[in-house]
Amino acid sequence: MLNQPITNLAQQYVERSNRHILDDVFPLFEVHATYHSSQFGALEGIESIKKMMTGFFIKFPDVHWAVETYTPESDDTVVFDFVMKGTDRETGNKIERHGRERIRFSESGFIVHVEVEVLTQA
């Protein structure tokens, strides 16, 4: 049984991601977690997720996600819309992506699946 609401767990994930300290983000995942993104495809296992996230934060060193509302979709899943802003390190171009994310948690409160869909990009 979860010790805190799943919306709090999702918010914690976004807050830690916005601090850019991945060593604080990775412990939130189950070892066998999966991740699917319309930008990066499907990933299986924490090591694959770590590799993708590390590369992403190198590419966008100032990335920030803004989320207004975290909504429980079921007993173990939270959905939220986000606005992601950042600068591409290689090109210097500013980007803005609007998207939707779903995070499913285990009974013990770890992330078991993340689903990210980019809805618009500027």
PDB file of N, CA and C in Angstrom:
ATOM      1  N   MET A   1       0.835  -1.186   0.000  1.00  0.00           N
ATOM      2  CA  MET A   1       0.000   0.000   0.000  1.00  0.00           C
ATOM      3  C   MET A   1       0.878   1.247   0.000  1.00  0.00           C
ATOM      4  N   LEU A   2       0.481   2.253  -0.734  1.00  0.00           N
ATOM      5  CA  LEU A   2       1.249   3.480  -0.839  1.00  0.00           C
ATOM      6  C   LEU A   2       1.142   4.309   0.437  1.00  0.00           C
ATOM      7  N   ASN A   3       2.277   4.910   0.835  1.00  0.00           N
ATOM      8  CA  ASN A   3       2.306   5.760   2.021  1.00  0.00           C
ATOM      9  C   ASN A   3       1.862   7.185   1.722  1.00  0.00           C
ATOM     10  N   GLN A   4       1.862   7.574   0.451  1.00  0.00           N
ATOM     11  CA  GLN A   4       1.445   8.922   0.087  1.00  0.00           C
ATOM     12  C   GLN A   4       0.654   8.861  -1.215  1.00  0.00           C
ATOM     13  N   PRO A   5      -0.165   9.871  -1.464  1.00  0.00           N
ATOM     14  CA  PRO A   5      -0.963   9.866  -2.693  1.00  0.00           C
ATOM     15  C   PRO A   5      -0.076   9.806  -3.937  1.00  0.00           C
ATOM     16  N   ILE A   6      -0.553   9.109  -4.959  1.00  0.00           N
ATOM     17  CA  ILE A   6       0.249   8.976  -6.173  1.00  0.00           C
ATOM     18  C   ILE A   6       0.469  10.322  -6.856  1.00  0.00           C
ATOM     19  N   THR A   7      -0.422  11.275  -6.652  1.00  0.00           N
ATOM     20  CA  THR A   7      -0.191  12.601  -7.230  1.00  0.00           C
ATOM     21  C   THR A   7       1.053  13.240  -6.613  1.00  0.00           C
ATOM     22  N   ASN A   8       1.283  13.011  -5.328  1.00  0.00           N
ATOM     23  CA  ASN A   8       2.498  13.524  -4.676  1.00  0.00           C
ATOM     24  C   ASN A   8       3.745  12.865  -5.248  1.00  0.00           C
ATOM     25  N   LEU A   9       3.650  11.565  -5.537  1.00  0.00           N
ATOM     26  CA  LEU A   9       4.790  10.847  -6.104  1.00  0.00           C
ATOM     27  C   LEU A   9       5.129  11.381  -7.491  1.00  0.00           C
ATOM     28  N   ALA A  10       4.112  11.652  -8.295  1.00  0.00           N
ATOM     29  CA  ALA A  10       4.343  12.207  -9.633  1.00  0.00           C
ATOM     30  C   ALA A  10       4.950  13.605  -9.536  1.00  0.00           C
ATOM     31  N   GLN A  11       4.445  14.401  -8.617  1.00  0.00           N
ATOM     32  CA  GLN A  11       4.981  15.749  -8.428  1.00  0.00           C
ATOM     33  C   GLN A  11       6.442  15.683  -7.988  1.00  0.00           C
ATOM     34  N   GLN A  12       6.758  14.751  -7.122  1.00  0.00           N
ATOM     35  CA  GLN A  12       8.140  14.568  -6.670  1.00  0.00           C
ATOM     36  C   GLN A  12       9.055  14.232  -7.853  1.00  0.00           C
ATOM     37  N   TYR A  13       8.594  13.382  -8.753  1.00  0.00           N
ATOM     38  CA  TYR A  13       9.364  13.011  -9.941  1.00  0.00           C
ATOM     39  C   TYR A  13       9.655  14.245 -10.802  1.00  0.00           C
ATOM     40  N   VAL A  14       8.652  15.077 -11.039  1.00  0.00           N
ATOM     41  CA  VAL A  14       8.840  16.274 -11.859  1.00  0.00           C
ATOM     42  C   VAL A  14       9.753  17.269 -11.142  1.00  0.00           C
ATOM     43  N   GLU A  15       9.557  17.473  -9.851  1.00  0.00           N
ATOM     44  CA  GLU A  15      10.400  18.410  -9.095  1.00  0.00           C
ATOM     45  C   GLU A  15      11.861  17.979  -9.121  1.00  0.00           C
ATOM     46  N   ARG A  16      12.109  16.694  -8.920  1.00  0.00           N
ATOM     47  CA  ARG A  16      13.493  16.202  -8.958  1.00  0.00           C
ATOM     48  C   ARG A  16      14.081  16.339 -10.358  1.00  0.00           C
ATOM     49  N   SER A  17      13.279  16.081 -11.375  1.00  0.00           N
ATOM     50  CA  SER A  17      13.753  16.250 -12.754  1.00  0.00           C
ATOM     51  C   SER A  17      14.112  17.708 -13.017  1.00  0.00           C
ATOM     52  N   ASN A  18      13.324  18.630 -12.509  1.00  0.00           N
ATOM     53  CA  ASN A  18      13.595  20.054 -12.705  1.00  0.00           C
ATOM     54  C   ASN A  18      14.842  20.519 -11.968  1.00  0.00           C
ATOM     55  N   ARG A  19      15.282  19.783 -10.965  1.00  0.00           N
ATOM     56  CA  ARG A  19      16.525  20.128 -10.257  1.00  0.00           C
ATOM     57  C   ARG A  19      17.753  19.618 -11.001  1.00  0.00           C
ATOM     58  N   HIS A  20      17.553  18.754 -11.996  1.00  0.00           N
ATOM     59  CA  HIS A  20      18.635  18.248 -12.850  1.00  0.00           C
ATOM     60  C   HIS A  20      19.639  17.389 -12.093  1.00  0.00           C
ATOM     61  N   ILE A  21      19.227  16.789 -11.004  1.00  0.00           N
ATOM     62  CA  ILE A  21      20.112  15.885 -10.262  1.00  0.00           C
ATOM     63  C   ILE A  21      19.569  14.479 -10.475  1.00  0.00           C
ATOM     64  N   LEU A  22      20.080  13.826 -11.530  1.00  0.00           N
ATOM     65  CA  LEU A  22      19.519  12.540 -11.926  1.00  0.00           C
ATOM     66  C   LEU A  22      19.703  11.465 -10.865  1.00  0.00           C
ATOM     67  N   ASP A  23      20.727  11.597 -10.033  1.00  0.00           N
ATOM     68  CA  ASP A  23      20.904  10.624  -8.948  1.00  0.00           C
ATOM     69  C   ASP A  23      19.757  10.693  -7.944  1.00  0.00           C
ATOM     70  N   ASP A  24      18.980  11.770  -7.966  1.00  0.00           N
ATOM     71  CA  ASP A  24      17.774  11.864  -7.137  1.00  0.00           C
ATOM     72  C   ASP A  24      16.538  11.346  -7.873  1.00  0.00           C
ATOM     73  N   VAL A  25      16.617  11.277  -9.207  1.00  0.00           N
ATOM     74  CA  VAL A  25      15.485  10.822 -10.019  1.00  0.00           C
ATOM     75  C   VAL A  25      15.483   9.301 -10.148  1.00  0.00           C
ATOM     76  N   PHE A  26      16.627   8.713 -10.444  1.00  0.00           N
ATOM     77  CA  PHE A  26      16.697   7.279 -10.734  1.00  0.00           C
ATOM     78  C   PHE A  26      16.176   6.383  -9.617  1.00  0.00           C
ATOM     79  N   PRO A  27      16.386   6.712  -8.337  1.00  0.00           N
ATOM     80  CA  PRO A  27      15.859   5.838  -7.274  1.00  0.00           C
ATOM     81  C   PRO A  27      14.333   5.771  -7.217  1.00  0.00           C
ATOM     82  N   LEU A  28      13.647   6.637  -7.942  1.00  0.00           N
ATOM     83  CA  LEU A  28      12.187   6.607  -7.963  1.00  0.00           C
ATOM     84  C   LEU A  28      11.647   5.469  -8.827  1.00  0.00           C
ATOM     85  N   PHE A  29      12.503   4.877  -9.667  1.00  0.00           N
ATOM     86  CA  PHE A  29      12.097   3.836 -10.609  1.00  0.00           C
ATOM     87  C   PHE A  29      12.326   2.432 -10.062  1.00  0.00           C
ATOM     88  N   GLU A  30      11.411   1.517 -10.404  1.00  0.00           N
ATOM     89  CA  GLU A  30      11.644   0.084 -10.213  1.00  0.00           C
ATOM     90  C   GLU A  30      12.757  -0.324 -11.176  1.00  0.00           C
ATOM     91  N   VAL A  31      13.513  -1.347 -10.825  1.00  0.00           N
ATOM     92  CA  VAL A  31      14.611  -1.829 -11.665  1.00  0.00           C
ATOM     93  C   VAL A  31      14.116  -2.237 -13.053  1.00  0.00           C
ATOM     94  N   HIS A  32      12.945  -2.834 -13.124  1.00  0.00           N
ATOM     95  CA  HIS A  32      12.412  -3.335 -14.396  1.00  0.00           C
ATOM     96  C   HIS A  32      11.380  -2.386 -15.008  1.00  0.00           C
ATOM     97  N   ALA A  33      11.450  -1.121 -14.660  1.00  0.00           N
ATOM     98  CA  ALA A  33      10.495  -0.137 -15.176  1.00  0.00           C
ATOM     99  C   ALA A  33      10.584  -0.037 -16.698  1.00  0.00           C
ATOM    100  N   THR A  34       9.494   0.423 -17.295  1.00  0.00           N
ATOM    101  CA  THR A  34       9.463   0.682 -18.732  1.00  0.00           C
ATOM    102  C   THR A  34       9.134   2.150 -18.959  1.00  0.00           C
ATOM    103  N   TYR A  35       9.530   2.629 -20.128  1.00  0.00           N
ATOM    104  CA  TYR A  35       9.357   4.044 -20.469  1.00  0.00           C
ATOM    105  C   TYR A  35       9.051   4.105 -21.954  1.00  0.00           C
ATOM    106  N   HIS A  36       7.997   4.790 -22.313  1.00  0.00           N
ATOM    107  CA  HIS A  36       7.690   4.968 -23.733  1.00  0.00           C
ATOM    108  C   HIS A  36       7.440   6.437 -24.007  1.00  0.00           C
ATOM    109  N   SER A  37       8.092   6.935 -25.047  1.00  0.00           N
ATOM    110  CA  SER A  37       7.969   8.340 -25.413  1.00  0.00           C
ATOM    111  C   SER A  37       7.766   8.452 -26.914  1.00  0.00           C
ATOM    112  N   SER A  38       6.921   9.381 -27.324  1.00  0.00           N
ATOM    113  CA  SER A  38       6.746   9.627 -28.750  1.00  0.00           C
ATOM    114  C   SER A  38       8.031  10.181 -29.371  1.00  0.00           C
ATOM    115  N   GLN A  39       8.958  10.656 -28.562  1.00  0.00           N
ATOM    116  CA  GLN A  39      10.238  11.180 -29.045  1.00  0.00           C
ATOM    117  C   GLN A  39      11.350  10.130 -29.039  1.00  0.00           C
ATOM    118  N   PHE A  40      11.319   9.204 -28.064  1.00  0.00           N
ATOM    119  CA  PHE A  40      12.441   8.285 -27.871  1.00  0.00           C
ATOM    120  C   PHE A  40      12.092   6.818 -28.059  1.00  0.00           C
ATOM    121  N   GLY A  41      10.826   6.497 -28.235  1.00  0.00           N
ATOM    122  CA  GLY A  41      10.431   5.101 -28.401  1.00  0.00           C
ATOM    123  C   GLY A  41      10.306   4.394 -27.066  1.00  0.00           C
ATOM    124  N   ALA A  42      10.443   3.063 -27.107  1.00  0.00           N
ATOM    125  CA  ALA A  42      10.240   2.230 -25.919  1.00  0.00           C
ATOM    126  C   ALA A  42      11.576   1.852 -25.289  1.00  0.00           C
ATOM    127  N   LEU A  43      11.608   1.934 -23.968  1.00  0.00           N
ATOM    128  CA  LEU A  43      12.792   1.554 -23.196  1.00  0.00           C
ATOM    129  C   LEU A  43      12.367   0.577 -22.119  1.00  0.00           C
ATOM    130  N   GLU A  44      13.237  -0.394 -21.839  1.00  0.00           N
ATOM    131  CA  GLU A  44      12.955  -1.373 -20.791  1.00  0.00           C
ATOM    132  C   GLU A  44      14.115  -1.431 -19.817  1.00  0.00           C
ATOM    133  N   GLY A  45      13.814  -1.297 -18.539  1.00  0.00           N
ATOM    134  CA  GLY A  45      14.814  -1.410 -17.488  1.00  0.00           C
ATOM    135  C   GLY A  45      15.450  -0.080 -17.138  1.00  0.00           C
ATOM    136  N   ILE A  46      15.838   0.027 -15.883  1.00  0.00           N
ATOM    137  CA  ILE A  46      16.383   1.284 -15.374  1.00  0.00           C
ATOM    138  C   ILE A  46      17.662   1.701 -16.099  1.00  0.00           C
ATOM    139  N   GLU A  47      18.491   0.756 -16.520  1.00  0.00           N
ATOM    140  CA  GLU A  47      19.736   1.133 -17.194  1.00  0.00           C
ATOM    141  C   GLU A  47      19.455   1.828 -18.525  1.00  0.00           C
ATOM    142  N   SER A  48      18.476   1.346 -19.277  1.00  0.00           N
ATOM    143  CA  SER A  48      18.100   2.000 -20.540  1.00  0.00           C
ATOM    144  C   SER A  48      17.502   3.376 -20.273  1.00  0.00           C
ATOM    145  N   ILE A  49      16.696   3.467 -19.237  1.00  0.00           N
ATOM    146  CA  ILE A  49      16.085   4.750 -18.872  1.00  0.00           C
ATOM    147  C   ILE A  49      17.163   5.738 -18.435  1.00  0.00           C
ATOM    148  N   LYS A  50      18.124   5.283 -17.645  1.00  0.00           N
ATOM    149  CA  LYS A  50      19.227   6.152 -17.213  1.00  0.00           C
ATOM    150  C   LYS A  50      19.995   6.704 -18.406  1.00  0.00           C
ATOM    151  N   LYS A  51      20.298   5.838 -19.365  1.00  0.00           N
ATOM    152  CA  LYS A  51      21.064   6.257 -20.538  1.00  0.00           C
ATOM    153  C   LYS A  51      20.303   7.328 -21.323  1.00  0.00           C
ATOM    154  N   MET A  52      19.017   7.104 -21.546  1.00  0.00           N
ATOM    155  CA  MET A  52      18.210   8.068 -22.289  1.00  0.00           C
ATOM    156  C   MET A  52      18.127   9.395 -21.541  1.00  0.00           C
ATOM    157  N   MET A  53      17.831   9.339 -20.249  1.00  0.00           N
ATOM    158  CA  MET A  53      17.665  10.572 -19.477  1.00  0.00           C
ATOM    159  C   MET A  53      18.974  11.347 -19.377  1.00  0.00           C
ATOM    160  N   THR A  54      20.074  10.654 -19.195  1.00  0.00           N
ATOM    161  CA  THR A  54      21.374  11.318 -19.114  1.00  0.00           C
ATOM    162  C   THR A  54      21.663  12.068 -20.408  1.00  0.00           C
ATOM    163  N   GLY A  55      21.443  11.415 -21.542  1.00  0.00           N
ATOM    164  CA  GLY A  55      21.647  12.067 -22.835  1.00  0.00           C
ATOM    165  C   GLY A  55      20.720  13.254 -23.037  1.00  0.00           C
ATOM    166  N   PHE A  56      19.478  13.105 -22.593  1.00  0.00           N
ATOM    167  CA  PHE A  56      18.491  14.179 -22.725  1.00  0.00           C
ATOM    168  C   PHE A  56      18.918  15.407 -21.930  1.00  0.00           C
ATOM    169  N   PHE A  57      19.383  15.210 -20.703  1.00  0.00           N
ATOM    170  CA  PHE A  57      19.777  16.342 -19.864  1.00  0.00           C
ATOM    171  C   PHE A  57      21.073  16.979 -20.348  1.00  0.00           C
ATOM    172  N   ILE A  58      21.914  16.222 -21.033  1.00  0.00           N
ATOM    173  CA  ILE A  58      23.099  16.815 -21.660  1.00  0.00           C
ATOM    174  C   ILE A  58      22.668  17.681 -22.837  1.00  0.00           C
ATOM    175  N   LYS A  59      21.744  17.175 -23.648  1.00  0.00           N
ATOM    176  CA  LYS A  59      21.266  17.910 -24.830  1.00  0.00           C
ATOM    177  C   LYS A  59      20.506  19.179 -24.442  1.00  0.00           C
ATOM    178  N   PHE A  60      19.725  19.111 -23.362  1.00  0.00           N
ATOM    179  CA  PHE A  60      18.917  20.250 -22.907  1.00  0.00           C
ATOM    180  C   PHE A  60      19.295  20.593 -21.459  1.00  0.00           C
ATOM    181  N   PRO A  61      20.434  21.268 -21.256  1.00  0.00           N
ATOM    182  CA  PRO A  61      20.935  21.487 -19.892  1.00  0.00           C
ATOM    183  C   PRO A  61      20.075  22.405 -19.027  1.00  0.00           C
ATOM    184  N   ASP A  62      19.198  23.188 -19.637  1.00  0.00           N
ATOM    185  CA  ASP A  62      18.347  24.097 -18.867  1.00  0.00           C
ATOM    186  C   ASP A  62      16.878  23.683 -18.913  1.00  0.00           C
ATOM    187  N   VAL A  63      16.607  22.441 -19.255  1.00  0.00           N
ATOM    188  CA  VAL A  63      15.230  21.977 -19.421  1.00  0.00           C
ATOM    189  C   VAL A  63      14.421  22.164 -18.137  1.00  0.00           C
ATOM    190  N   HIS A  64      13.147  22.508 -18.333  1.00  0.00           N
ATOM    191  CA  HIS A  64      12.240  22.691 -17.194  1.00  0.00           C
ATOM    192  C   HIS A  64      10.832  22.286 -17.619  1.00  0.00           C
ATOM    193  N   TRP A  65      10.157  21.549 -16.744  1.00  0.00           N
ATOM    194  CA  TRP A  65       8.777  21.143 -16.984  1.00  0.00           C
ATOM    195  C   TRP A  65       7.852  21.931 -16.060  1.00  0.00           C
ATOM    196  N   ALA A  66       6.803  22.491 -16.621  1.00  0.00           N
ATOM    197  CA  ALA A  66       5.766  23.163 -15.837  1.00  0.00           C
ATOM    198  C   ALA A  66       4.510  22.299 -15.896  1.00  0.00           C
ATOM    199  N   VAL A  67       3.963  22.015 -14.720  1.00  0.00           N
ATOM    200  CA  VAL A  67       2.752  21.201 -14.605  1.00  0.00           C
ATOM    201  C   VAL A  67       1.793  21.942 -13.686  1.00  0.00           C
ATOM    202  N   GLU A  68       0.551  22.076 -14.123  1.00  0.00           N
ATOM    203  CA  GLU A  68      -0.442  22.743 -13.280  1.00  0.00           C
ATOM    204  C   GLU A  68      -1.207  21.762 -12.408  1.00  0.00           C
ATOM    205  N   THR A  69      -1.615  20.627 -12.973  1.00  0.00           N
ATOM    206  CA  THR A  69      -2.481  19.706 -12.250  1.00  0.00           C
ATOM    207  C   THR A  69      -2.054  18.263 -12.474  1.00  0.00           C
ATOM    208  N   TYR A  70      -1.979  17.518 -11.392  1.00  0.00           N
ATOM    209  CA  TYR A  70      -1.718  16.076 -11.436  1.00  0.00           C
ATOM    210  C   TYR A  70      -3.040  15.380 -11.123  1.00  0.00           C
ATOM    211  N   THR A  71      -3.498  14.510 -12.027  1.00  0.00           N
ATOM    212  CA  THR A  71      -4.810  13.889 -11.883  1.00  0.00           C
ATOM    213  C   THR A  71      -4.684  12.378 -11.771  1.00  0.00           C
ATOM    214  N   PRO A  72      -5.223  11.777 -10.703  1.00  0.00           N
ATOM    215  CA  PRO A  72      -5.227  10.313 -10.631  1.00  0.00           C
ATOM    216  C   PRO A  72      -6.116   9.763 -11.747  1.00  0.00           C
ATOM    217  N   GLU A  73      -5.576   8.833 -12.517  1.00  0.00           N
ATOM    218  CA  GLU A  73      -6.343   8.203 -13.584  1.00  0.00           C
ATOM    219  C   GLU A  73      -6.913   6.865 -13.116  1.00  0.00           C
ATOM    220  N   SER A  74      -6.214   6.251 -12.160  1.00  0.00           N
ATOM    221  CA  SER A  74      -6.654   5.004 -11.532  1.00  0.00           C
ATOM    222  C   SER A  74      -5.955   4.925 -10.180  1.00  0.00           C
ATOM    223  N   ASP A  75      -6.071   3.786  -9.506  1.00  0.00           N
ATOM    224  CA  ASP A  75      -5.435   3.635  -8.192  1.00  0.00           C
ATOM    225  C   ASP A  75      -3.916   3.731  -8.252  1.00  0.00           C
ATOM    226  N   ASP A  76      -3.333   3.425  -9.416  1.00  0.00           N
ATOM    227  CA  ASP A  76      -1.874   3.399  -9.503  1.00  0.00           C
ATOM    228  C   ASP A  76      -1.290   4.307 -10.585  1.00  0.00           C
ATOM    229  N   THR A  77      -2.125   5.094 -11.248  1.00  0.00           N
ATOM    230  CA  THR A  77      -1.655   5.887 -12.390  1.00  0.00           C
ATOM    231  C   THR A  77      -2.080   7.349 -12.269  1.00  0.00           C
ATOM    232  N   VAL A  78      -1.126   8.234 -12.575  1.00  0.00           N
ATOM    233  CA  VAL A  78      -1.354   9.678 -12.584  1.00  0.00           C
ATOM    234  C   VAL A  78      -1.137  10.183 -14.006  1.00  0.00           C
ATOM    235  N   VAL A  79      -1.960  11.113 -14.429  1.00  0.00           N
ATOM    236  CA  VAL A  79      -1.788  11.753 -15.733  1.00  0.00           C
ATOM    237  C   VAL A  79      -1.676  13.259 -15.519  1.00  0.00           C
ATOM    238  N   PHE A  80      -0.831  13.890 -16.326  1.00  0.00           N
ATOM    239  CA  PHE A  80      -0.707  15.348 -16.249  1.00  0.00           C
ATOM    240  C   PHE A  80      -0.236  15.895 -17.589  1.00  0.00           C
ATOM    241  N   ASP A  81      -0.670  17.107 -17.880  1.00  0.00           N
ATOM    242  CA  ASP A  81      -0.190  17.837 -19.044  1.00  0.00           C
ATOM    243  C   ASP A  81       0.986  18.689 -18.601  1.00  0.00           C
ATOM    244  N   PHE A  82       1.939  18.872 -19.506  1.00  0.00           N
ATOM    245  CA  PHE A  82       3.134  19.641 -19.164  1.00  0.00           C
ATOM    246  C   PHE A  82       3.508  20.573 -20.304  1.00  0.00           C
ATOM    247  N   VAL A  83       4.286  21.581 -19.944  1.00  0.00           N
ATOM    248  CA  VAL A  83       4.978  22.423 -20.911  1.00  0.00           C
ATOM    249  C   VAL A  83       6.454  22.287 -20.580  1.00  0.00           C
ATOM    250  N   MET A  84       7.219  21.797 -21.546  1.00  0.00           N
ATOM    251  CA  MET A  84       8.656  21.634 -21.372  1.00  0.00           C
ATOM    252  C   MET A  84       9.360  22.707 -22.183  1.00  0.00           C
ATOM    253  N   LYS A  85      10.270  23.424 -21.532  1.00  0.00           N
ATOM    254  CA  LYS A  85      11.065  24.446 -22.217  1.00  0.00           C
ATOM    255  C   LYS A  85      12.532  24.152 -21.980  1.00  0.00           C
ATOM    256  N   GLY A  86      13.342  24.417 -22.998  1.00  0.00           N
ATOM    257  CA  GLY A  86      14.769  24.209 -22.862  1.00  0.00           C
ATOM    258  C   GLY A  86      15.509  24.741 -24.074  1.00  0.00           C
ATOM    259  N   THR A  87      16.831  24.688 -23.984  1.00  0.00           N
ATOM    260  CA  THR A  87      17.700  25.125 -25.063  1.00  0.00           C
ATOM    261  C   THR A  87      18.526  23.943 -25.531  1.00  0.00           C
ATOM    262  N   ASP A  88      18.514  23.686 -26.834  1.00  0.00           N
ATOM    263  CA  ASP A  88      19.321  22.612 -27.412  1.00  0.00           C
ATOM    264  C   ASP A  88      20.786  23.030 -27.347  1.00  0.00           C
ATOM    265  N   ARG A  89      21.577  22.286 -26.610  1.00  0.00           N
ATOM    266  CA  ARG A  89      22.985  22.629 -26.412  1.00  0.00           C
ATOM    267  C   ARG A  89      23.734  22.707 -27.743  1.00  0.00           C
ATOM    268  N   GLU A  90      23.421  21.832 -28.688  1.00  0.00           N
ATOM    269  CA  GLU A  90      24.162  21.776 -29.953  1.00  0.00           C
ATOM    270  C   GLU A  90      23.835  22.945 -30.874  1.00  0.00           C
ATOM    271  N   THR A  91      22.573  23.339 -30.933  1.00  0.00           N
ATOM    272  CA  THR A  91      22.153  24.368 -31.894  1.00  0.00           C
ATOM    273  C   THR A  91      21.920  25.733 -31.260  1.00  0.00           C
ATOM    274  N   GLY A  92      21.700  25.752 -29.955  1.00  0.00           N
ATOM    275  CA  GLY A  92      21.346  26.992 -29.279  1.00  0.00           C
ATOM    276  C   GLY A  92      19.886  27.365 -29.445  1.00  0.00           C
ATOM    277  N   ASN A  93      19.120  26.527 -30.147  1.00  0.00           N
ATOM    278  CA  ASN A  93      17.700  26.803 -30.374  1.00  0.00           C
ATOM    279  C   ASN A  93      16.880  26.558 -29.117  1.00  0.00           C
ATOM    280  N   LYS A  94      15.968  27.485 -28.847  1.00  0.00           N
ATOM    281  CA  LYS A  94      15.013  27.314 -27.745  1.00  0.00           C
ATOM    282  C   LYS A  94      13.886  26.419 -28.239  1.00  0.00           C
ATOM    283  N   ILE A  95      13.438  25.513 -27.374  1.00  0.00           N
ATOM    284  CA  ILE A  95      12.321  24.652 -27.737  1.00  0.00           C
ATOM    285  C   ILE A  95      11.231  24.767 -26.680  1.00  0.00           C
ATOM    286  N   GLU A  96      10.032  24.481 -27.105  1.00  0.00           N
ATOM    287  CA  GLU A  96       8.900  24.396 -26.189  1.00  0.00           C
ATOM    288  C   GLU A  96       8.024  23.255 -26.672  1.00  0.00           C
ATOM    289  N   ARG A  97       7.770  22.307 -25.787  1.00  0.00           N
ATOM    290  CA  ARG A  97       6.915  21.166 -26.110  1.00  0.00           C
ATOM    291  C   ARG A  97       5.764  21.110 -25.120  1.00  0.00           C
ATOM    292  N   HIS A  98       4.580  20.891 -25.653  1.00  0.00           N
ATOM    293  CA  HIS A  98       3.406  20.651 -24.824  1.00  0.00           C
ATOM    294  C   HIS A  98       3.102  19.168 -24.938  1.00  0.00           C
ATOM    295  N   GLY A  99       2.848  18.531 -23.807  1.00  0.00           N
ATOM    296  CA  GLY A  99       2.601  17.103 -23.862  1.00  0.00           C
ATOM    297  C   GLY A  99       1.777  16.597 -22.705  1.00  0.00           C
ATOM    298  N   ARG A 100       1.605  15.295 -22.729  1.00  0.00           N
ATOM    299  CA  ARG A 100       0.847  14.593 -21.689  1.00  0.00           C
ATOM    300  C   ARG A 100       1.699  13.418 -21.218  1.00  0.00           C
ATOM    301  N   GLU A 101       1.708  13.222 -19.908  1.00  0.00           N
ATOM    302  CA  GLU A 101       2.499  12.143 -19.322  1.00  0.00           C
ATOM    303  C   GLU A 101       1.627  11.324 -18.386  1.00  0.00           C
ATOM    304  N   ARG A 102       1.834  10.025 -18.441  1.00  0.00           N
ATOM    305  CA  ARG A 102       1.181   9.089 -17.518  1.00  0.00           C
ATOM    306  C   ARG A 102       2.281   8.337 -16.787  1.00  0.00           C
ATOM    307  N   ILE A 103       2.127   8.252 -15.478  1.00  0.00           N
ATOM    308  CA  ILE A 103       3.085   7.503 -14.667  1.00  0.00           C
ATOM    309  C   ILE A 103       2.313   6.482 -13.848  1.00  0.00           C
ATOM    310  N   ARG A 104       2.738   5.222 -13.956  1.00  0.00           N
ATOM    311  CA  ARG A 104       2.132   4.148 -13.163  1.00  0.00           C
ATOM    312  C   ARG A 104       3.116   3.743 -12.072  1.00  0.00           C
ATOM    313  N   PHE A 105       2.586   3.565 -10.869  1.00  0.00           N
ATOM    314  CA  PHE A 105       3.401   3.256  -9.700  1.00  0.00           C
ATOM    315  C   PHE A 105       3.112   1.850  -9.188  1.00  0.00           C
ATOM    316  N   SER A 106       4.124   1.253  -8.577  1.00  0.00           N
ATOM    317  CA  SER A 106       3.949  -0.033  -7.903  1.00  0.00           C
ATOM    318  C   SER A 106       3.246   0.199  -6.570  1.00  0.00           C
ATOM    319  N   GLU A 107       2.832  -0.876  -5.927  1.00  0.00           N
ATOM    320  CA  GLU A 107       2.198  -0.752  -4.605  1.00  0.00           C
ATOM    321  C   GLU A 107       3.133  -0.123  -3.589  1.00  0.00           C
ATOM    322  N   SER A 108       4.443  -0.280  -3.808  1.00  0.00           N
ATOM    323  CA  SER A 108       5.411   0.296  -2.874  1.00  0.00           C
ATOM    324  C   SER A 108       5.814   1.724  -3.251  1.00  0.00           C
ATOM    325  N   GLY A 109       5.201   2.285  -4.314  1.00  0.00           N
ATOM    326  CA  GLY A 109       5.420   3.684  -4.637  1.00  0.00           C
ATOM    327  C   GLY A 109       6.531   3.975  -5.627  1.00  0.00           C
ATOM    328  N   PHE A 110       7.057   2.946  -6.281  1.00  0.00           N
ATOM    329  CA  PHE A 110       8.091   3.158  -7.289  1.00  0.00           C
ATOM    330  C   PHE A 110       7.462   3.262  -8.675  1.00  0.00           C
ATOM    331  N   ILE A 111       8.115   3.985  -9.559  1.00  0.00           N
ATOM    332  CA  ILE A 111       7.628   4.122 -10.931  1.00  0.00           C
ATOM    333  C   ILE A 111       7.862   2.813 -11.671  1.00  0.00           C
ATOM    334  N   VAL A 112       6.788   2.268 -12.256  1.00  0.00           N
ATOM    335  CA  VAL A 112       6.918   1.045 -13.054  1.00  0.00           C
ATOM    336  C   VAL A 112       6.748   1.324 -14.544  1.00  0.00           C
ATOM    337  N   HIS A 113       6.086   2.429 -14.896  1.00  0.00           N
ATOM    338  CA  HIS A 113       5.945   2.771 -16.316  1.00  0.00           C
ATOM    339  C   HIS A 113       5.703   4.269 -16.468  1.00  0.00           C
ATOM    340  N   VAL A 114       6.358   4.828 -17.479  1.00  0.00           N
ATOM    341  CA  VAL A 114       6.149   6.225 -17.864  1.00  0.00           C
ATOM    342  C   VAL A 114       5.764   6.236 -19.339  1.00  0.00           C
ATOM    343  N   GLU A 115       4.740   6.991 -19.647  1.00  0.00           N
ATOM    344  CA  GLU A 115       4.276   7.164 -21.033  1.00  0.00           C
ATOM    345  C   GLU A 115       4.229   8.660 -21.317  1.00  0.00           C
ATOM    346  N   VAL A 116       5.022   9.113 -22.305  1.00  0.00           N
ATOM    347  CA  VAL A 116       5.097  10.530 -22.636  1.00  0.00           C
ATOM    348  C   VAL A 116       4.662  10.729 -24.085  1.00  0.00           C
ATOM    349  N   GLU A 117       3.720  11.628 -24.276  1.00  0.00           N
ATOM    350  CA  GLU A 117       3.263  11.964 -25.620  1.00  0.00           C
ATOM    351  C   GLU A 117       3.430  13.463 -25.831  1.00  0.00           C
ATOM    352  N   VAL A 118       4.244  13.830 -26.817  1.00  0.00           N
ATOM    353  CA  VAL A 118       4.383  15.235 -27.177  1.00  0.00           C
ATOM    354  C   VAL A 118       3.206  15.596 -28.067  1.00  0.00           C
ATOM    355  N   LEU A 119       2.459  16.613 -27.660  1.00  0.00           N
ATOM    356  CA  LEU A 119       1.266  17.026 -28.400  1.00  0.00           C
ATOM    357  C   LEU A 119       1.575  18.124 -29.411  1.00  0.00           C
ATOM    358  N   THR A 120       2.401  19.084 -29.020  1.00  0.00           N
ATOM    359  CA  THR A 120       2.839  20.147 -29.928  1.00  0.00           C
ATOM    360  C   THR A 120       4.272  20.519 -29.598  1.00  0.00           C
ATOM    361  N   GLN A 121       4.976  21.016 -30.604  1.00  0.00           N
ATOM    362  CA  GLN A 121       6.355  21.430 -30.393  1.00  0.00           C
ATOM    363  C   GLN A 121       6.612  22.714 -31.154  1.00  0.00           C
ATOM    364  N   ALA A 122       7.299  23.647 -30.488  1.00  0.00           N
ATOM    365  CA  ALA A 122       7.653  24.915 -31.140  1.00  0.00           C
ATOM    366  C   ALA A 122       9.145  25.146 -31.025  1.00  0.00           C
TER     367      ALA A 122
END
